[in-house]
PDB file of N, CA and C in Angstrom:
ATOM      1  N   MET A   1     130.373  31.898 100.921  1.00  0.00           N
ATOM      2  CA  MET A   1     131.710  32.680 101.517  1.00  0.00           C
ATOM      3  C   MET A   1     132.481  33.130 100.410  1.00  0.00           C
ATOM      4  N   VAL A   2     132.909  33.883 100.177  1.00  0.00           N
ATOM      5  CA  VAL A   2     133.616  34.393  99.107  1.00  0.00           C
ATOM      6  C   VAL A   2     134.828  34.147  98.763  1.00  0.00           C
ATOM      7  N   ASP A   3     135.051  34.132  97.350  1.00  0.00           N
ATOM      8  CA  ASP A   3     136.408  33.381  96.470  1.00  0.00           C
ATOM      9  C   ASP A   3     137.447  34.586  96.517  1.00  0.00           C
ATOM     10  N   ALA A   4     137.946  34.402  97.958  1.00  0.00           N
ATOM     11  CA  ALA A   4     139.186  35.571  98.041  1.00  0.00           C
ATOM     12  C   ALA A   4     140.411  35.331  97.153  1.00  0.00           C
ATOM     13  N   LYS A   5     140.249  34.086  96.488  1.00  0.00           N
ATOM     14  CA  LYS A   5     141.621  33.900  95.406  1.00  0.00           C
ATOM     15  C   LYS A   5     141.206  34.908  94.323  1.00  0.00           C
ATOM     16  N   ARG A   6     139.913  34.832  94.119  1.00  0.00           N
ATOM     17  CA  ARG A   6     139.386  35.353  92.515  1.00  0.00           C
ATOM     18  C   ARG A   6     139.692  36.652  92.666  1.00  0.00           C
ATOM     19  N   PHE A   7     138.908  37.304  93.532  1.00  0.00           N
ATOM     20  CA  PHE A   7     138.741  38.813  94.060  1.00  0.00           C
ATOM     21  C   PHE A   7     139.959  39.116  94.566  1.00  0.00           C
ATOM     22  N   ARG A   8     141.292  38.872  95.005  1.00  0.00           N
ATOM     23  CA  ARG A   8     142.685  39.232  95.183  1.00  0.00           C
ATOM     24  C   ARG A   8     143.424  39.438  93.558  1.00  0.00           C
ATOM     25  N   VAL A   9     143.003  38.642  92.618  1.00  0.00           N
ATOM     26  CA  VAL A   9     143.249  38.827  91.165  1.00  0.00           C
ATOM     27  C   VAL A   9     142.823  39.988  90.659  1.00  0.00           C
ATOM     28  N   LEU A  10     141.533  40.135  90.783  1.00  0.00           N
ATOM     29  CA  LEU A  10     140.707  41.206  90.602  1.00  0.00           C
ATOM     30  C   LEU A  10     141.450  42.736  90.982  1.00  0.00           C
ATOM     31  N   LEU A  11     141.424  42.546  92.470  1.00  0.00           N
ATOM     32  CA  LEU A  11     142.079  43.803  93.060  1.00  0.00           C
ATOM     33  C   LEU A  11     143.905  43.978  92.350  1.00  0.00           C
ATOM     34  N   GLU A  12     144.150  42.861  92.302  1.00  0.00           N
ATOM     35  CA  GLU A  12     146.021  42.920  92.157  1.00  0.00           C
ATOM     36  C   GLU A  12     146.093  43.656  90.490  1.00  0.00           C
ATOM     37  N   GLU A  13     144.803  43.235  89.704  1.00  0.00           N
ATOM     38  CA  GLU A  13     144.717  44.149  88.418  1.00  0.00           C
ATOM     39  C   GLU A  13     144.604  45.327  88.054  1.00  0.00           C
ATOM     40  N   GLU A  14     143.611  45.536  88.934  1.00  0.00           N
ATOM     41  CA  GLU A  14     143.172  47.112  89.346  1.00  0.00           C
ATOM     42  C   GLU A  14     144.169  47.880  89.902  1.00  0.00           C
ATOM     43  N   ARG A  15     144.765  47.620  90.611  1.00  0.00           N
ATOM     44  CA  ARG A  15     145.878  47.950  91.505  1.00  0.00           C
ATOM     45  C   ARG A  15     147.056  48.403  90.118  1.00  0.00           C
ATOM     46  N   ASP A  16     147.863  47.504  89.537  1.00  0.00           N
ATOM     47  CA  ASP A  16     148.714  47.635  88.410  1.00  0.00           C
ATOM     48  C   ASP A  16     148.192  48.827  87.415  1.00  0.00           C
ATOM     49  N   ARG A  17     146.254  48.778  87.052  1.00  0.00           N
ATOM     50  CA  ARG A  17     145.896  49.801  86.269  1.00  0.00           C
ATOM     51  C   ARG A  17     145.952  51.252  86.834  1.00  0.00           C
ATOM     52  N   LYS A  18     145.708  51.375  88.055  1.00  0.00           N
ATOM     53  CA  LYS A  18     146.086  52.357  88.884  1.00  0.00           C
ATOM     54  C   LYS A  18     147.112  52.710  88.959  1.00  0.00           C
ATOM     55  N   VAL A  19     148.275  51.715  89.203  1.00  0.00           N
ATOM     56  CA  VAL A  19     149.747  52.401  89.324  1.00  0.00           C
ATOM     57  C   VAL A  19     150.622  53.049  87.692  1.00  0.00           C
ATOM     58  N   ALA A  20     149.635  52.260  86.883  1.00  0.00           N
ATOM     59  CA  ALA A  20     150.187  52.557  85.267  1.00  0.00           C
ATOM     60  C   ALA A  20     149.335  53.993  85.123  1.00  0.00           C
ATOM     61  N   LEU A  21     148.537  54.522  85.816  1.00  0.00           N
ATOM     62  CA  LEU A  21     147.759  55.607  85.665  1.00  0.00           C
ATOM     63  C   LEU A  21     148.567  56.661  85.982  1.00  0.00           C
ATOM     64  N   LEU A  22     148.495  56.406  87.449  1.00  0.00           N
ATOM     65  CA  LEU A  22     149.376  57.465  88.123  1.00  0.00           C
ATOM     66  C   LEU A  22     150.295  58.043  87.540  1.00  0.00           C
ATOM     67  N   LYS A  23     151.184  56.936  87.081  1.00  0.00           N
ATOM     68  CA  LYS A  23     152.901  57.403  86.468  1.00  0.00           C
ATOM     69  C   LYS A  23     152.325  58.264  85.296  1.00  0.00           C
ATOM     70  N   ALA A  24     151.865  57.626  84.570  1.00  0.00           N
ATOM     71  CA  ALA A  24     151.217  58.508  83.501  1.00  0.00           C
ATOM     72  C   ALA A  24     150.448  59.951  83.481  1.00  0.00           C
ATOM     73  N   LEU A  25     149.912  59.930  84.718  1.00  0.00           N
ATOM     74  CA  LEU A  25     149.275  61.326  85.316  1.00  0.00           C
ATOM     75  C   LEU A  25     150.417  62.420  85.401  1.00  0.00           C
ATOM     76  N   LEU A  26     151.591  61.507  86.378  1.00  0.00           N
ATOM     77  CA  LEU A  26     152.472  62.769  86.748  1.00  0.00           C
ATOM     78  C   LEU A  26     153.475  62.876  85.760  1.00  0.00           C
ATOM     79  N   GLY A  27     153.663  61.950  84.188  1.00  0.00           N
ATOM     80  CA  GLY A  27     154.123  62.307  83.303  1.00  0.00           C
ATOM     81  C   GLY A  27     153.966  63.800  82.709  1.00  0.00           C
ATOM     82  N   ASP A  28     152.588  63.337  82.818  1.00  0.00           N
ATOM     83  CA  ASP A  28     151.877  64.383  81.772  1.00  0.00           C
ATOM     84  C   ASP A  28     152.014  65.626  82.781  1.00  0.00           C
ATOM     85  N   ILE A  29     151.568  65.785  83.891  1.00  0.00           N
ATOM     86  CA  ILE A  29     151.711  66.833  84.950  1.00  0.00           C
ATOM     87  C   ILE A  29     153.455  67.702  84.670  1.00  0.00           C
ATOM     88  N   THR A  30     154.202  66.454  84.782  1.00  0.00           N
ATOM     89  CA  THR A  30     155.745  66.989  84.499  1.00  0.00           C
ATOM     90  C   THR A  30     156.064  67.877  83.396  1.00  0.00           C
ATOM     91  N   SER A  31     155.327  67.291  82.154  1.00  0.00           N
ATOM     92  CA  SER A  31     156.070  67.851  80.635  1.00  0.00           C
ATOM     93  C   SER A  31     155.123  69.017  80.581  1.00  0.00           C
ATOM     94  N   VAL A  32     153.694  69.261  81.417  1.00  0.00           N
ATOM     95  CA  VAL A  32     153.104  70.346  81.042  1.00  0.00           C
ATOM     96  C   VAL A  32     153.754  71.795  81.843  1.00  0.00           C
ATOM     97  N   ASN A  33     154.314  71.046  83.098  1.00  0.00           N
ATOM     98  CA  ASN A  33     155.055  72.342  83.838  1.00  0.00           C
ATOM     99  C   ASN A  33     156.283  72.265  83.045  1.00  0.00           C
ATOM    100  N   VAL A  34     156.792  71.582  82.634  1.00  0.00           N
ATOM    101  CA  VAL A  34     158.184  72.159  82.059  1.00  0.00           C
ATOM    102  C   VAL A  34     157.790  72.672  80.989  1.00  0.00           C
ATOM    103  N   ALA A  35     156.926  72.512  79.957  1.00  0.00           N
ATOM    104  CA  ALA A  35     156.397  73.239  78.380  1.00  0.00           C
ATOM    105  C   ALA A  35     155.775  74.602  79.062  1.00  0.00           C
ATOM    106  N   ARG A  36     155.318  74.797  80.598  1.00  0.00           N
ATOM    107  CA  ARG A  36     154.716  76.212  80.610  1.00  0.00           C
ATOM    108  C   ARG A  36     155.787  76.822  81.052  1.00  0.00           C
ATOM    109  N   GLN A  37     156.687  76.514  81.868  1.00  0.00           N
ATOM    110  CA  GLN A  37     158.050  77.297  82.539  1.00  0.00           C
ATOM    111  C   GLN A  37     158.668  77.753  81.303  1.00  0.00           C
ATOM    112  N   ASP A  38     158.904  76.970  80.194  1.00  0.00           N
ATOM    113  CA  ASP A  38     159.595  77.106  78.800  1.00  0.00           C
ATOM    114  C   ASP A  38     159.153  78.616  78.269  1.00  0.00           C
ATOM    115  N   ALA A  39     157.758  78.380  78.130  1.00  0.00           N
ATOM    116  CA  ALA A  39     156.866  78.898  77.192  1.00  0.00           C
ATOM    117  C   ALA A  39     156.776  80.548  77.886  1.00  0.00           C
ATOM    118  N   ASN A  40     157.286  80.806  79.230  1.00  0.00           N
ATOM    119  CA  ASN A  40     156.719  81.718  80.447  1.00  0.00           C
ATOM    120  C   ASN A  40     155.244  82.377  79.834  1.00  0.00           C
ATOM    121  N   VAL A  41     154.451  81.414  80.016  1.00  0.00           N
ATOM    122  CA  VAL A  41     153.044  81.794  79.865  1.00  0.00           C
ATOM    123  C   VAL A  41     152.370  82.856  80.839  1.00  0.00           C
ATOM    124  N   ASP A  42     151.333  83.413  80.531  1.00  0.00           N
ATOM    125  CA  ASP A  42     150.758  84.248  81.314  1.00  0.00           C
ATOM    126  C   ASP A  42     149.215  84.045  81.393  1.00  0.00           C
ATOM    127  N   ASP A  43     148.978  82.961  81.977  1.00  0.00           N
ATOM    128  CA  ASP A  43     147.303  82.531  82.042  1.00  0.00           C
ATOM    129  C   ASP A  43     146.272  83.453  81.947  1.00  0.00           C
ATOM    130  N   GLU A  44     146.355  84.717  82.509  1.00  0.00           N
ATOM    131  CA  GLU A  44     145.507  85.696  82.792  1.00  0.00           C
ATOM    132  C   GLU A  44     145.484  86.355  81.378  1.00  0.00           C
ATOM    133  N   HIS A  45     146.005  86.552  80.225  1.00  0.00           N
ATOM    134  CA  HIS A  45     146.204  86.858  79.143  1.00  0.00           C
ATOM    135  C   HIS A  45     146.485  86.484  77.884  1.00  0.00           C
ATOM    136  N   ASP A  46     147.288  85.005  78.122  1.00  0.00           N
ATOM    137  CA  ASP A  46     147.213  84.263  77.212  1.00  0.00           C
ATOM    138  C   ASP A  46     146.004  83.333  76.528  1.00  0.00           C
ATOM    139  N   PRO A  47     145.816  83.310  75.383  1.00  0.00           N
ATOM    140  CA  PRO A  47     144.472  82.226  75.225  1.00  0.00           C
ATOM    141  C   PRO A  47     144.614  81.142  75.658  1.00  0.00           C
ATOM    142  N   GLU A  48     146.387  80.337  75.450  1.00  0.00           N
ATOM    143  CA  GLU A  48     146.550  78.932  75.869  1.00  0.00           C
ATOM    144  C   GLU A  48     147.006  78.705  77.450  1.00  0.00           C
ATOM    145  N   GLY A  49     146.784  79.696  77.869  1.00  0.00           N
ATOM    146  CA  GLY A  49     146.918  79.459  79.547  1.00  0.00           C
ATOM    147  C   GLY A  49     145.887  79.399  80.223  1.00  0.00           C
ATOM    148  N   SER A  50     144.532  79.476  80.129  1.00  0.00           N
ATOM    149  CA  SER A  50     143.683  79.095  80.993  1.00  0.00           C
ATOM    150  C   SER A  50     143.322  77.482  80.243  1.00  0.00           C
ATOM    151  N   THR A  51     143.722  76.909  78.902  1.00  0.00           N
ATOM    152  CA  THR A  51     143.499  75.539  78.773  1.00  0.00           C
ATOM    153  C   THR A  51     144.610  74.954  79.525  1.00  0.00           C
ATOM    154  N   ILE A  52     145.847  75.378  79.513  1.00  0.00           N
ATOM    155  CA  ILE A  52     146.992  74.856  80.458  1.00  0.00           C
ATOM    156  C   ILE A  52     146.594  74.504  81.327  1.00  0.00           C
ATOM    157  N   ALA A  53     145.829  75.783  81.746  1.00  0.00           N
ATOM    158  CA  ALA A  53     145.257  75.538  83.606  1.00  0.00           C
ATOM    159  C   ALA A  53     144.426  74.395  83.696  1.00  0.00           C
ATOM    160  N   PHE A  54     143.364  74.407  83.008  1.00  0.00           N
ATOM    161  CA  PHE A  54     142.611  73.410  83.114  1.00  0.00           C
ATOM    162  C   PHE A  54     143.203  71.812  83.133  1.00  0.00           C
ATOM    163  N   GLU A  55     144.169  71.853  82.035  1.00  0.00           N
ATOM    164  CA  GLU A  55     144.887  70.423  82.053  1.00  0.00           C
ATOM    165  C   GLU A  55     145.273  70.195  83.303  1.00  0.00           C
ATOM    166  N   LEU A  56     145.832  70.777  83.779  1.00  0.00           N
ATOM    167  CA  LEU A  56     146.904  70.730  84.607  1.00  0.00           C
ATOM    168  C   LEU A  56     145.740  70.445  86.451  1.00  0.00           C
ATOM    169  N   SER A  57     144.828  70.988  86.097  1.00  0.00           N
ATOM    170  CA  SER A  57     143.732  70.488  87.063  1.00  0.00           C
ATOM    171  C   SER A  57     142.770  69.506  87.128  1.00  0.00           C
ATOM    172  N   GLN A  58     142.631  69.241  85.840  1.00  0.00           N
ATOM    173  CA  GLN A  58     142.225  67.392  85.496  1.00  0.00           C
ATOM    174  C   GLN A  58     143.491  66.616  85.663  1.00  0.00           C
ATOM    175  N   ALA A  59     144.320  66.747  85.264  1.00  0.00           N
ATOM    176  CA  ALA A  59     145.421  65.796  85.934  1.00  0.00           C
ATOM    177  C   ALA A  59     145.494  65.671  87.458  1.00  0.00           C
ATOM    178  N   SER A  60     145.623  66.713  88.109  1.00  0.00           N
ATOM    179  CA  SER A  60     145.716  66.369  89.435  1.00  0.00           C
ATOM    180  C   SER A  60     144.609  66.195  89.871  1.00  0.00           C
ATOM    181  N   ALA A  61     143.382  66.313  89.348  1.00  0.00           N
ATOM    182  CA  ALA A  61     142.377  65.754  90.229  1.00  0.00           C
ATOM    183  C   ALA A  61     142.152  64.111  89.862  1.00  0.00           C
ATOM    184  N   LEU A  62     142.230  63.822  88.893  1.00  0.00           N
ATOM    185  CA  LEU A  62     142.697  62.454  88.478  1.00  0.00           C
ATOM    186  C   LEU A  62     143.309  61.549  89.340  1.00  0.00           C
ATOM    187  N   MET A  63     144.603  62.262  89.589  1.00  0.00           N
ATOM    188  CA  MET A  63     145.829  61.574  89.872  1.00  0.00           C
ATOM    189  C   MET A  63     145.297  61.658  91.680  1.00  0.00           C
ATOM    190  N   GLU A  64     144.438  62.486  92.209  1.00  0.00           N
ATOM    191  CA  GLU A  64     143.969  62.202  93.531  1.00  0.00           C
ATOM    192  C   GLU A  64     142.772  61.363  93.676  1.00  0.00           C
ATOM    193  N   GLN A  65     142.053  60.934  92.509  1.00  0.00           N
ATOM    194  CA  GLN A  65     141.167  60.156  92.700  1.00  0.00           C
ATOM    195  C   GLN A  65     141.831  58.589  92.493  1.00  0.00           C
ATOM    196  N   SER A  66     142.705  58.681  91.499  1.00  0.00           N
ATOM    197  CA  SER A  66     143.423  57.114  91.530  1.00  0.00           C
ATOM    198  C   SER A  66     144.157  56.946  92.949  1.00  0.00           C
ATOM    199  N   ARG A  67     144.970  57.876  93.301  1.00  0.00           N
ATOM    200  CA  ARG A  67     145.614  57.933  95.031  1.00  0.00           C
ATOM    201  C   ARG A  67     144.715  57.292  95.702  1.00  0.00           C
ATOM    202  N   VAL A  68     143.532  57.466  95.968  1.00  0.00           N
ATOM    203  CA  VAL A  68     142.232  57.164  96.573  1.00  0.00           C
ATOM    204  C   VAL A  68     141.639  56.108  96.423  1.00  0.00           C
ATOM    205  N   GLY A  69     142.036  55.372  95.038  1.00  0.00           N
ATOM    206  CA  GLY A  69     141.320  54.289  94.493  1.00  0.00           C
ATOM    207  C   GLY A  69     142.616  53.474  94.917  1.00  0.00           C
ATOM    208  N   LEU A  70     143.888  53.873  94.609  1.00  0.00           N
ATOM    209  CA  LEU A  70     144.621  52.862  95.199  1.00  0.00           C
ATOM    210  C   LEU A  70     144.884  52.489  96.729  1.00  0.00           C
ATOM    211  N   GLU A  71     144.560  53.025  97.521  1.00  0.00           N
ATOM    212  CA  GLU A  71     144.137  53.029  99.121  1.00  0.00           C
ATOM    213  C   GLU A  71     143.011  51.946  99.154  1.00  0.00           C
ATOM    214  N   GLN A  72     142.167  52.510  98.438  1.00  0.00           N
ATOM    215  CA  GLN A  72     141.184  51.272  98.729  1.00  0.00           C
ATOM    216  C   GLN A  72     141.458  49.953  98.868  1.00  0.00           C
ATOM    217  N   ILE A  73     141.692  49.666  97.245  1.00  0.00           N
ATOM    218  CA  ILE A  73     142.813  48.460  96.592  1.00  0.00           C
ATOM    219  C   ILE A  73     143.801  47.903  97.734  1.00  0.00           C
ATOM    220  N   GLU A  74     144.587  48.611  98.309  1.00  0.00           N
ATOM    221  CA  GLU A  74     145.439  48.027  99.241  1.00  0.00           C
ATOM    222  C   GLU A  74     144.798  47.891 100.233  1.00  0.00           C
ATOM    223  N   ALA A  75     143.427  48.724 100.740  1.00  0.00           N
ATOM    224  CA  ALA A  75     143.002  48.183 101.828  1.00  0.00           C
ATOM    225  C   ALA A  75     142.247  46.875 101.934  1.00  0.00           C
ATOM    226  N   ALA A  76     141.590  46.853 100.573  1.00  0.00           N
ATOM    227  CA  ALA A  76     140.921  45.578 100.111  1.00  0.00           C
ATOM    228  C   ALA A  76     141.763  44.319 100.624  1.00  0.00           C
ATOM    229  N   LEU A  77     143.257  44.435 100.058  1.00  0.00           N
ATOM    230  CA  LEU A  77     144.061  43.528  99.958  1.00  0.00           C
ATOM    231  C   LEU A  77     144.949  42.838 101.338  1.00  0.00           C
ATOM    232  N   LEU A  78     144.561  43.725 101.994  1.00  0.00           N
ATOM    233  CA  LEU A  78     145.038  43.767 103.411  1.00  0.00           C
ATOM    234  C   LEU A  78     143.845  42.847 104.226  1.00  0.00           C
ATOM    235  N   ARG A  79     142.187  43.404 104.096  1.00  0.00           N
ATOM    236  CA  ARG A  79     141.606  42.353 104.358  1.00  0.00           C
ATOM    237  C   ARG A  79     141.321  41.132 103.850  1.00  0.00           C
ATOM    238  N   ILE A  80     141.862  40.914 102.459  1.00  0.00           N
ATOM    239  CA  ILE A  80     141.676  39.309 102.269  1.00  0.00           C
ATOM    240  C   ILE A  80     142.968  38.919 102.814  1.00  0.00           C
ATOM    241  N   ALA A  81     144.068  39.189 103.416  1.00  0.00           N
ATOM    242  CA  ALA A  81     145.468  38.809 103.929  1.00  0.00           C
ATOM    243  C   ALA A  81     144.740  38.283 105.589  1.00  0.00           C
ATOM    244  N   ASN A  82     144.098  39.297 106.051  1.00  0.00           N
ATOM    245  CA  ASN A  82     143.768  38.880 107.538  1.00  0.00           C
ATOM    246  C   ASN A  82     142.373  37.969 107.736  1.00  0.00           C
ATOM    247  N   GLY A  83     141.500  37.473 106.138  1.00  0.00           N
ATOM    248  CA  GLY A  83     140.614  37.112 106.559  1.00  0.00           C
ATOM    249  C   GLY A  83     138.952  37.657 106.899  1.00  0.00           C
ATOM    250  N   SER A  84     139.246  39.284 106.832  1.00  0.00           N
ATOM    251  CA  SER A  84     137.934  39.977 106.852  1.00  0.00           C
ATOM    252  C   SER A  84     137.505  40.070 105.656  1.00  0.00           C
ATOM    253  N   TYR A  85     138.003  39.909 104.666  1.00  0.00           N
ATOM    254  CA  TYR A  85     137.659  40.379 103.354  1.00  0.00           C
ATOM    255  C   TYR A  85     136.250  39.984 103.047  1.00  0.00           C
ATOM    256  N   GLY A  86     135.488  40.889 102.027  1.00  0.00           N
ATOM    257  CA  GLY A  86     133.804  40.217 102.274  1.00  0.00           C
ATOM    258  C   GLY A  86     132.970  40.384 103.260  1.00  0.00           C
ATOM    259  N   LEU A  87     133.162  40.898 104.308  1.00  0.00           N
ATOM    260  CA  LEU A  87     132.486  41.416 105.345  1.00  0.00           C
ATOM    261  C   LEU A  87     132.231  43.057 105.487  1.00  0.00           C
ATOM    262  N   CYS A  88     131.025  43.393 105.999  1.00  0.00           N
ATOM    263  CA  CYS A  88     130.744  44.682 106.402  1.00  0.00           C
ATOM    264  C   CYS A  88     131.446  45.363 106.916  1.00  0.00           C
ATOM    265  N   ALA A  89     132.370  46.188 107.165  1.00  0.00           N
ATOM    266  CA  ALA A  89     132.974  47.092 107.936  1.00  0.00           C
ATOM    267  C   ALA A  89     132.122  47.402 109.090  1.00  0.00           C
ATOM    268  N   VAL A  90     130.860  47.677 109.210  1.00  0.00           N
ATOM    269  CA  VAL A  90     129.780  48.554 109.795  1.00  0.00           C
ATOM    270  C   VAL A  90     129.741  47.258 110.493  1.00  0.00           C
ATOM    271  N   CYS A  91     128.170  46.183 109.607  1.00  0.00           N
ATOM    272  CA  CYS A  91     127.448  45.296 110.689  1.00  0.00           C
ATOM    273  C   CYS A  91     128.613  43.780 110.673  1.00  0.00           C
ATOM    274  N   GLY A  92     129.123  43.823 109.612  1.00  0.00           N
ATOM    275  CA  GLY A  92     129.835  42.591 109.620  1.00  0.00           C
ATOM    276  C   GLY A  92     129.191  41.117 109.330  1.00  0.00           C
ATOM    277  N   LYS A  93     128.538  41.619 108.540  1.00  0.00           N
ATOM    278  CA  LYS A  93     127.768  40.708 107.638  1.00  0.00           C
ATOM    279  C   LYS A  93     128.201  40.846 105.930  1.00  0.00           C
ATOM    280  N   PRO A  94     128.146  39.324 105.516  1.00  0.00           N
ATOM    281  CA  PRO A  94     128.560  39.209 104.673  1.00  0.00           C
ATOM    282  C   PRO A  94     128.387  40.256 103.256  1.00  0.00           C
ATOM    283  N   ILE A  95     129.424  41.022 102.623  1.00  0.00           N
ATOM    284  CA  ILE A  95     128.768  41.457 101.474  1.00  0.00           C
ATOM    285  C   ILE A  95     128.807  40.790 100.387  1.00  0.00           C
ATOM    286  N   ALA A  96     127.092  41.124  99.445  1.00  0.00           N
ATOM    287  CA  ALA A  96     126.528  40.270  98.357  1.00  0.00           C
ATOM    288  C   ALA A  96     127.882  40.800  97.224  1.00  0.00           C
ATOM    289  N   GLU A  97     128.140  39.147  96.560  1.00  0.00           N
ATOM    290  CA  GLU A  97     129.007  38.698  95.793  1.00  0.00           C
ATOM    291  C   GLU A  97     129.135  40.061  94.410  1.00  0.00           C
ATOM    292  N   GLY A  98     127.642  40.121  94.260  1.00  0.00           N
ATOM    293  CA  GLY A  98     127.782  41.316  93.112  1.00  0.00           C
ATOM    294  C   GLY A  98     128.052  42.537  93.292  1.00  0.00           C
ATOM    295  N   ARG A  99     127.936  42.856  94.654  1.00  0.00           N
ATOM    296  CA  ARG A  99     128.011  44.323  95.170  1.00  0.00           C
ATOM    297  C   ARG A  99     130.245  44.257  94.716  1.00  0.00           C
ATOM    298  N   LEU A 100     130.649  43.057  95.375  1.00  0.00           N
ATOM    299  CA  LEU A 100     131.875  42.733  95.220  1.00  0.00           C
ATOM    300  C   LEU A 100     132.488  42.671  93.733  1.00  0.00           C
ATOM    301  N   GLU A 101     131.904  42.236  92.853  1.00  0.00           N
ATOM    302  CA  GLU A 101     132.030  42.275  91.651  1.00  0.00           C
ATOM    303  C   GLU A 101     132.609  43.671  91.065  1.00  0.00           C
ATOM    304  N   ALA A 102     131.350  44.005  91.431  1.00  0.00           N
ATOM    305  CA  ALA A 102     130.819  45.709  90.871  1.00  0.00           C
ATOM    306  C   ALA A 102     132.014  46.580  91.566  1.00  0.00           C
ATOM    307  N   ARG A 103     132.377  46.069  92.540  1.00  0.00           N
ATOM    308  CA  ARG A 103     133.193  46.984  93.448  1.00  0.00           C
ATOM    309  C   ARG A 103     133.862  46.097  94.714  1.00  0.00           C
ATOM    310  N   PRO A 104     134.806  45.433  94.081  1.00  0.00           N
ATOM    311  CA  PRO A 104     135.855  44.616  94.598  1.00  0.00           C
ATOM    312  C   PRO A 104     136.621  44.844  95.713  1.00  0.00           C
ATOM    313  N   TRP A 105     136.768  46.850  96.328  1.00  0.00           N
ATOM    314  CA  TRP A 105     137.511  46.739  97.169  1.00  0.00           C
ATOM    315  C   TRP A 105     136.598  47.502  98.320  1.00  0.00           C
ATOM    316  N   THR A 106     135.186  47.206  97.814  1.00  0.00           N
ATOM    317  CA  THR A 106     134.440  48.110  99.038  1.00  0.00           C
ATOM    318  C   THR A 106     134.533  47.187 100.444  1.00  0.00           C
ATOM    319  N   PRO A 107     134.548  47.981 101.448  1.00  0.00           N
ATOM    320  CA  PRO A 107     134.547  47.541 102.771  1.00  0.00           C
ATOM    321  C   PRO A 107     132.785  47.083 103.113  1.00  0.00           C
ATOM    322  N   TYR A 108     131.898  47.598 102.631  1.00  0.00           N
ATOM    323  CA  TYR A 108     130.392  48.034 103.208  1.00  0.00           C
ATOM    324  C   TYR A 108     129.586  47.256 101.896  1.00  0.00           C
ATOM    325  N   CYS A 109     128.500  46.883 103.008  1.00  0.00           N
ATOM    326  CA  CYS A 109     127.420  46.139 102.020  1.00  0.00           C
ATOM    327  C   CYS A 109     126.569  47.117 101.738  1.00  0.00           C
ATOM    328  N   ILE A 110     125.483  46.778 101.206  1.00  0.00           N
ATOM    329  CA  ILE A 110     124.824  47.631 100.384  1.00  0.00           C
ATOM    330  C   ILE A 110     124.143  48.341 101.683  1.00  0.00           C
ATOM    331  N   GLU A 111     123.453  47.655 102.465  1.00  0.00           N
ATOM    332  CA  GLU A 111     123.147  49.031 103.580  1.00  0.00           C
ATOM    333  C   GLU A 111     123.884  50.047 103.891  1.00  0.00           C
ATOM    334  N   HIS A 112     125.192  49.981 104.360  1.00  0.00           N
ATOM    335  CA  HIS A 112     126.128  50.893 104.705  1.00  0.00           C
ATOM    336  C   HIS A 112     126.867  51.348 104.140  1.00  0.00           C
ATOM    337  N   ALA A 113     126.584  51.351 102.391  1.00  0.00           N
ATOM    338  CA  ALA A 113     127.300  52.047 101.362  1.00  0.00           C
ATOM    339  C   ALA A 113     127.086  53.034 101.618  1.00  0.00           C
ATOM    340  N   SER A 114     125.778  53.663 101.948  1.00  0.00           N
ATOM    341  CA  SER A 114     125.166  55.122 101.444  1.00  0.00           C
ATOM    342  C   SER A 114     126.407  56.299 102.758  1.00  0.00           C
ATOM    343  N   GLY A 115     126.864  57.556 102.187  1.00  0.00           N
ATOM    344  CA  GLY A 115     127.256  57.993 102.854  1.00  0.00           C
ATOM    345  C   GLY A 115     128.772  57.767 103.382  1.00  0.00           C
ATOM    346  N   GLN A 116     129.332  56.508 102.395  1.00  0.00           N
ATOM    347  CA  GLN A 116     130.705  56.277 102.971  1.00  0.00           C
ATOM    348  C   GLN A 116     131.575  56.297 101.456  1.00  0.00           C
ATOM    349  N   SER A 117     132.279  56.270 101.445  1.00  0.00           N
ATOM    350  CA  SER A 117     133.466  56.528 100.596  1.00  0.00           C
ATOM    351  C   SER A 117     133.845  54.959  99.663  1.00  0.00           C
TER     352      SER A 117
END
C-alpha cells in the first residue's frame, strides 16, 4: 500500500511551487505588456520586437504548462482524499511506488501511461 501521507506532502510542496511560479510568470507577462505599451513597439520593424514577442510566447507556454501541472496535482490530492491514490485510473492496479516518486500526480501505471498526459 502507498504511503498517502508522504505523497500528500510531496504534492502539496509541488502545488506551492506551481502557484508561486504562476504568480511570477503572470507578473513577468504583465510587466512586459506594460513596457511594450509604453514603448510603442513595432514588432515587425523593431529589432527588440521579436525578442519581446518571443519572451511573451515563452512565458505564456510556461504558464499553460504550470496550470496543467497544477490541475494534475489537485486531482492527485483528490484521489488521496477519496482513497483511490496510487491505483491506475485504467486498470485499477497499484501504481509502482518508484513511478509515484518520480511523478506523484500520475493516475496511470507504467503500462497505461503511454498516450496519456
